[in-house]
Amino acid sequence: MTSPSSKNPNSEQISREKRRSEQLRANLARRKQQLRSRRSGAADDRDEGITAAEQTSSDTPTSDS
């Protein structure tokens, strides 16, 4: 015989699955937006982006050898 908990998941398991599905949807939306911005050539608006690409020519060190 199967246990009754396998047929009727408890509220903790349901809320965990709901949270997980919401996080997956949010992640998918972020990835889609990132892909769209890359296709259009726009800069990525994340704070943790590469700052070296934003340096001007006066900021770059010159080789004086």
PDB file of N, CA and C in Angstrom:
ATOM      1  N   MET A   1       0.830  -1.185   0.000  1.00  0.00           N
ATOM      2  CA  MET A   1       0.000   0.000   0.000  1.00  0.00           C
ATOM      3  C   MET A   1       0.877   1.251   0.000  1.00  0.00           C
ATOM      4  N   THR A   2       0.390   2.265  -0.645  1.00  0.00           N
ATOM      5  CA  THR A   2       1.135   3.521  -0.678  1.00  0.00           C
ATOM      6  C   THR A   2       0.734   4.388   0.499  1.00  0.00           C
ATOM      7  N   SER A   3       1.643   5.229   0.912  1.00  0.00           N
ATOM      8  CA  SER A   3       1.342   6.108   2.035  1.00  0.00           C
ATOM      9  C   SER A   3       0.447   7.256   1.568  1.00  0.00           C
ATOM     10  N   PRO A   4      -0.396   7.761   2.432  1.00  0.00           N
ATOM     11  CA  PRO A   4      -1.301   8.842   2.033  1.00  0.00           C
ATOM     12  C   PRO A   4      -0.561  10.132   1.680  1.00  0.00           C
ATOM     13  N   SER A   5       0.647  10.324   2.205  1.00  0.00           N
ATOM     14  CA  SER A   5       1.382  11.557   1.921  1.00  0.00           C
ATOM     15  C   SER A   5       1.867  11.610   0.474  1.00  0.00           C
ATOM     16  N   SER A   6       2.008  10.444  -0.178  1.00  0.00           N
ATOM     17  CA  SER A   6       2.458  10.450  -1.568  1.00  0.00           C
ATOM     18  C   SER A   6       1.356  10.925  -2.512  1.00  0.00           C
ATOM     19  N   LYS A   7       0.092  10.712  -2.127  1.00  0.00           N
ATOM     20  CA  LYS A   7      -1.019  11.160  -2.962  1.00  0.00           C
ATOM     21  C   LYS A   7      -1.370  12.617  -2.685  1.00  0.00           C
ATOM     22  N   ASN A   8      -1.270  13.031  -1.447  1.00  0.00           N
ATOM     23  CA  ASN A   8      -1.595  14.403  -1.051  1.00  0.00           C
ATOM     24  C   ASN A   8      -0.347  15.065  -0.476  1.00  0.00           C
ATOM     25  N   PRO A   9       0.400  15.785  -1.302  1.00  0.00           N
ATOM     26  CA  PRO A   9       1.610  16.428  -0.795  1.00  0.00           C
ATOM     27  C   PRO A   9       1.244  17.508   0.223  1.00  0.00           C
ATOM     28  N   ASN A  10       2.091  17.662   1.222  1.00  0.00           N
ATOM     29  CA  ASN A  10       1.796  18.637   2.263  1.00  0.00           C
ATOM     30  C   ASN A  10       2.024  20.060   1.763  1.00  0.00           C
ATOM     31  N   SER A  11       1.579  21.014   2.538  1.00  0.00           N
ATOM     32  CA  SER A  11       1.636  22.415   2.106  1.00  0.00           C
ATOM     33  C   SER A  11       3.073  22.908   1.963  1.00  0.00           C
ATOM     34  N   GLU A  12       3.996  22.365   2.745  1.00  0.00           N
ATOM     35  CA  GLU A  12       5.403  22.772   2.634  1.00  0.00           C
ATOM     36  C   GLU A  12       5.968  22.381   1.273  1.00  0.00           C
ATOM     37  N   GLN A  13       5.659  21.182   0.834  1.00  0.00           N
ATOM     38  CA  GLN A  13       6.141  20.717  -0.467  1.00  0.00           C
ATOM     39  C   GLN A  13       5.507  21.525  -1.601  1.00  0.00           C
ATOM     40  N   ILE A  14       4.244  21.839  -1.465  1.00  0.00           N
ATOM     41  CA  ILE A  14       3.555  22.628  -2.488  1.00  0.00           C
ATOM     42  C   ILE A  14       4.153  24.024  -2.570  1.00  0.00           C
ATOM     43  N   SER A  15       4.387  24.646  -1.413  1.00  0.00           N
ATOM     44  CA  SER A  15       4.950  25.995  -1.431  1.00  0.00           C
ATOM     45  C   SER A  15       6.377  25.982  -1.974  1.00  0.00           C
ATOM     46  N   ARG A  16       7.123  24.930  -1.707  1.00  0.00           N
ATOM     47  CA  ARG A  16       8.488  24.801  -2.235  1.00  0.00           C
ATOM     48  C   ARG A  16       8.461  24.702  -3.759  1.00  0.00           C
ATOM     49  N   GLU A  17       7.541  23.891  -4.280  1.00  0.00           N
ATOM     50  CA  GLU A  17       7.417  23.751  -5.735  1.00  0.00           C
ATOM     51  C   GLU A  17       6.955  25.057  -6.378  1.00  0.00           C
ATOM     52  N   LYS A  18       6.056  25.774  -5.705  1.00  0.00           N
ATOM     53  CA  LYS A  18       5.577  27.050  -6.233  1.00  0.00           C
ATOM     54  C   LYS A  18       6.716  28.068  -6.271  1.00  0.00           C
ATOM     55  N   ARG A  19       7.506  28.146  -5.193  1.00  0.00           N
ATOM     56  CA  ARG A  19       8.659  29.058  -5.158  1.00  0.00           C
ATOM     57  C   ARG A  19       9.648  28.721  -6.254  1.00  0.00           C
ATOM     58  N   ARG A  20       9.904  27.444  -6.427  1.00  0.00           N
ATOM     59  CA  ARG A  20      10.863  26.993  -7.446  1.00  0.00           C
ATOM     60  C   ARG A  20      10.384  27.370  -8.844  1.00  0.00           C
ATOM     61  N   SER A  21       9.111  27.170  -9.124  1.00  0.00           N
ATOM     62  CA  SER A  21       8.597  27.507 -10.450  1.00  0.00           C
ATOM     63  C   SER A  21       8.645  29.014 -10.689  1.00  0.00           C
ATOM     64  N   GLU A  22       8.384  29.819  -9.651  1.00  0.00           N
ATOM     65  CA  GLU A  22       8.477  31.274  -9.795  1.00  0.00           C
ATOM     66  C   GLU A  22       9.915  31.707 -10.053  1.00  0.00           C
ATOM     67  N   GLN A  23      10.865  31.081  -9.363  1.00  0.00           N
ATOM     68  CA  GLN A  23      12.273  31.413  -9.568  1.00  0.00           C
ATOM     69  C   GLN A  23      12.725  31.021 -10.967  1.00  0.00           C
ATOM     70  N   LEU A  24      12.262  29.879 -11.450  1.00  0.00           N
ATOM     71  CA  LEU A  24      12.622  29.455 -12.802  1.00  0.00           C
ATOM     72  C   LEU A  24      12.055  30.411 -13.852  1.00  0.00           C
ATOM     73  N   ARG A  25      10.812  30.863 -13.649  1.00  0.00           N
ATOM     74  CA  ARG A  25      10.220  31.819 -14.582  1.00  0.00           C
ATOM     75  C   ARG A  25      10.977  33.143 -14.578  1.00  0.00           C
ATOM     76  N   ALA A  26      11.367  33.615 -13.393  1.00  0.00           N
ATOM     77  CA  ALA A  26      12.121  34.867 -13.297  1.00  0.00           C
ATOM     78  C   ALA A  26      13.481  34.725 -13.962  1.00  0.00           C
ATOM     79  N   ASN A  27      14.128  33.579 -13.774  1.00  0.00           N
ATOM     80  CA  ASN A  27      15.427  33.328 -14.395  1.00  0.00           C
ATOM     81  C   ASN A  27      15.288  33.301 -15.913  1.00  0.00           C
ATOM     82  N   LEU A  28      14.258  32.661 -16.405  1.00  0.00           N
ATOM     83  CA  LEU A  28      14.036  32.604 -17.846  1.00  0.00           C
ATOM     84  C   LEU A  28      13.800  34.002 -18.416  1.00  0.00           C
ATOM     85  N   ALA A  29      13.033  34.813 -17.708  1.00  0.00           N
ATOM     86  CA  ALA A  29      12.778  36.182 -18.167  1.00  0.00           C
ATOM     87  C   ALA A  29      14.069  36.987 -18.204  1.00  0.00           C
ATOM     88  N   ARG A  30      14.932  36.827 -17.179  1.00  0.00           N
ATOM     89  CA  ARG A  30      16.229  37.527 -17.171  1.00  0.00           C
ATOM     90  C   ARG A  30      17.089  37.094 -18.337  1.00  0.00           C
ATOM     91  N   ARG A  31      17.129  35.799 -18.594  1.00  0.00           N
ATOM     92  CA  ARG A  31      17.952  35.289 -19.694  1.00  0.00           C
ATOM     93  C   ARG A  31      17.436  35.770 -21.041  1.00  0.00           C
ATOM     94  N   LYS A  32      16.127  35.813 -21.214  1.00  0.00           N
ATOM     95  CA  LYS A  32      15.554  36.312 -22.467  1.00  0.00           C
ATOM     96  C   LYS A  32      15.901  37.785 -22.668  1.00  0.00           C
ATOM     97  N   GLN A  33      15.779  38.581 -21.602  1.00  0.00           N
ATOM     98  CA  GLN A  33      16.094  40.004 -21.697  1.00  0.00           C
ATOM     99  C   GLN A  33      17.570  40.206 -22.013  1.00  0.00           C
ATOM    100  N   GLN A  34      18.423  39.406 -21.411  1.00  0.00           N
ATOM    101  CA  GLN A  34      19.858  39.497 -21.673  1.00  0.00           C
ATOM    102  C   GLN A  34      20.146  39.158 -23.132  1.00  0.00           C
ATOM    103  N   LEU A  35      19.492  38.143 -23.649  1.00  0.00           N
ATOM    104  CA  LEU A  35      19.689  37.750 -25.041  1.00  0.00           C
ATOM    105  C   LEU A  35      19.203  38.845 -25.989  1.00  0.00           C
ATOM    106  N   ARG A  36      18.062  39.450 -25.673  1.00  0.00           N
ATOM    107  CA  ARG A  36      17.549  40.540 -26.514  1.00  0.00           C
ATOM    108  C   ARG A  36      18.519  41.721 -26.540  1.00  0.00           C
ATOM    109  N   SER A  37      19.077  42.065 -25.381  1.00  0.00           N
ATOM    110  CA  SER A  37      19.990  43.206 -25.343  1.00  0.00           C
ATOM    111  C   SER A  37      21.273  42.898 -26.099  1.00  0.00           C
ATOM    112  N   ARG A  38      21.718  41.670 -26.062  1.00  0.00           N
ATOM    113  CA  ARG A  38      22.920  41.302 -26.807  1.00  0.00           C
ATOM    114  C   ARG A  38      22.660  41.333 -28.305  1.00  0.00           C
ATOM    115  N   ARG A  39      21.479  40.915 -28.721  1.00  0.00           N
ATOM    116  CA  ARG A  39      21.143  40.918 -30.147  1.00  0.00           C
ATOM    117  C   ARG A  39      21.058  42.336 -30.692  1.00  0.00           C
ATOM    118  N   SER A  40      20.518  43.242 -29.896  1.00  0.00           N
ATOM    119  CA  SER A  40      20.355  44.618 -30.363  1.00  0.00           C
ATOM    120  C   SER A  40      21.636  45.419 -30.218  1.00  0.00           C
ATOM    121  N   GLY A  41      22.624  44.876 -29.561  1.00  0.00           N
ATOM    122  CA  GLY A  41      23.897  45.555 -29.404  1.00  0.00           C
ATOM    123  C   GLY A  41      23.921  46.503 -28.223  1.00  0.00           C
ATOM    124  N   ALA A  42      22.873  46.532 -27.419  1.00  0.00           N
ATOM    125  CA  ALA A  42      22.835  47.410 -26.258  1.00  0.00           C
ATOM    126  C   ALA A  42      23.721  46.849 -25.153  1.00  0.00           C
ATOM    127  N   ALA A  43      24.210  47.737 -24.321  1.00  0.00           N
ATOM    128  CA  ALA A  43      25.057  47.312 -23.208  1.00  0.00           C
ATOM    129  C   ALA A  43      24.215  46.571 -22.183  1.00  0.00           C
ATOM    130  N   ASP A  44      24.834  45.639 -21.501  1.00  0.00           N
ATOM    131  CA  ASP A  44      24.173  44.888 -20.451  1.00  0.00           C
ATOM    132  C   ASP A  44      24.020  45.802 -19.246  1.00  0.00           C
ATOM    133  N   ASP A  45      22.850  45.854 -18.631  1.00  0.00           N
ATOM    134  CA  ASP A  45      22.613  46.796 -17.545  1.00  0.00           C
ATOM    135  C   ASP A  45      22.927  46.231 -16.163  1.00  0.00           C
ATOM    136  N   ARG A  46      23.605  45.121 -16.086  1.00  0.00           N
ATOM    137  CA  ARG A  46      23.969  44.554 -14.789  1.00  0.00           C
ATOM    138  C   ARG A  46      25.113  45.348 -14.172  1.00  0.00           C
ATOM    139  N   ASP A  47      25.158  45.407 -12.850  1.00  0.00           N
ATOM    140  CA  ASP A  47      26.227  46.108 -12.149  1.00  0.00           C
ATOM    141  C   ASP A  47      27.533  45.346 -12.195  1.00  0.00           C
ATOM    142  N   GLU A  48      27.476  44.038 -12.278  1.00  0.00           N
ATOM    143  CA  GLU A  48      28.686  43.231 -12.216  1.00  0.00           C
ATOM    144  C   GLU A  48      29.327  43.013 -13.583  1.00  0.00           C
ATOM    145  N   GLY A  49      28.999  43.849 -14.547  1.00  0.00           N
ATOM    146  CA  GLY A  49      29.567  43.718 -15.890  1.00  0.00           C
ATOM    147  C   GLY A  49      31.054  44.027 -15.908  1.00  0.00           C
ATOM    148  N   ILE A  50      31.683  43.812 -17.026  1.00  0.00           N
ATOM    149  CA  ILE A  50      33.115  44.049 -17.157  1.00  0.00           C
ATOM    150  C   ILE A  50      33.348  45.548 -17.275  1.00  0.00           C
ATOM    151  N   THR A  51      34.072  46.106 -16.332  1.00  0.00           N
ATOM    152  CA  THR A  51      34.328  47.542 -16.349  1.00  0.00           C
ATOM    153  C   THR A  51      35.495  47.897 -17.252  1.00  0.00           C
ATOM    154  N   ALA A  52      36.338  46.943 -17.573  1.00  0.00           N
ATOM    155  CA  ALA A  52      37.488  47.217 -18.427  1.00  0.00           C
ATOM    156  C   ALA A  52      37.051  47.647 -19.820  1.00  0.00           C
ATOM    157  N   ALA A  53      35.924  47.184 -20.278  1.00  0.00           N
ATOM    158  CA  ALA A  53      35.440  47.544 -21.609  1.00  0.00           C
ATOM    159  C   ALA A  53      34.978  48.993 -21.662  1.00  0.00           C
ATOM    160  N   GLU A  54      34.694  49.582 -20.515  1.00  0.00           N
ATOM    161  CA  GLU A  54      34.201  50.950 -20.462  1.00  0.00           C
ATOM    162  C   GLU A  54      35.315  51.977 -20.302  1.00  0.00           C
ATOM    163  N   GLN A  55      36.570  51.565 -20.151  1.00  0.00           N
ATOM    164  CA  GLN A  55      37.672  52.500 -19.959  1.00  0.00           C
ATOM    165  C   GLN A  55      37.924  53.295 -21.230  1.00  0.00           C
ATOM    166  N   THR A  56      38.312  54.552 -21.046  1.00  0.00           N
ATOM    167  CA  THR A  56      38.668  55.380 -22.197  1.00  0.00           C
ATOM    168  C   THR A  56      40.142  55.200 -22.504  1.00  0.00           C
ATOM    169  N   SER A  57      40.598  55.739 -23.605  1.00  0.00           N
ATOM    170  CA  SER A  57      41.999  55.566 -23.993  1.00  0.00           C
ATOM    171  C   SER A  57      42.940  56.250 -23.010  1.00  0.00           C
ATOM    172  N   SER A  58      42.493  57.297 -22.305  1.00  0.00           N
ATOM    173  CA  SER A  58      43.355  57.959 -21.331  1.00  0.00           C
ATOM    174  C   SER A  58      43.491  57.135 -20.056  1.00  0.00           C
ATOM    175  N   ASP A  59      42.566  56.215 -19.811  1.00  0.00           N
ATOM    176  CA  ASP A  59      42.626  55.368 -18.629  1.00  0.00           C
ATOM    177  C   ASP A  59      43.541  54.170 -18.816  1.00  0.00           C
ATOM    178  N   THR A  60      43.815  53.800 -20.040  1.00  0.00           N
ATOM    179  CA  THR A  60      44.620  52.615 -20.288  1.00  0.00           C
ATOM    180  C   THR A  60      46.094  52.949 -20.143  1.00  0.00           C
ATOM    181  N   PRO A  61      46.854  52.066 -19.517  1.00  0.00           N
ATOM    182  CA  PRO A  61      48.285  52.329 -19.350  1.00  0.00           C
ATOM    183  C   PRO A  61      49.016  52.221 -20.689  1.00  0.00           C
ATOM    184  N   THR A  62      50.028  53.028 -20.840  1.00  0.00           N
ATOM    185  CA  THR A  62      50.838  52.984 -22.053  1.00  0.00           C
ATOM    186  C   THR A  62      52.140  52.280 -21.751  1.00  0.00           C
ATOM    187  N   SER A  63      52.691  51.619 -22.719  1.00  0.00           N
ATOM    188  CA  SER A  63      53.968  50.932 -22.512  1.00  0.00           C
ATOM    189  C   SER A  63      55.094  51.885 -22.895  1.00  0.00           C
ATOM    190  N   ASP A  64      55.953  52.198 -21.920  1.00  0.00           N
ATOM    191  CA  ASP A  64      57.070  53.115 -22.137  1.00  0.00           C
ATOM    192  C   ASP A  64      58.374  52.349 -22.198  1.00  0.00           C
ATOM    193  N   SER A  65      58.433  51.270 -22.965  1.00  0.00           N
ATOM    194  CA  SER A  65      59.661  50.494 -23.006  1.00  0.00           C
ATOM    195  C   SER A  65      60.637  50.984 -24.024  1.00  0.00           C
TER     196      SER A  65
END
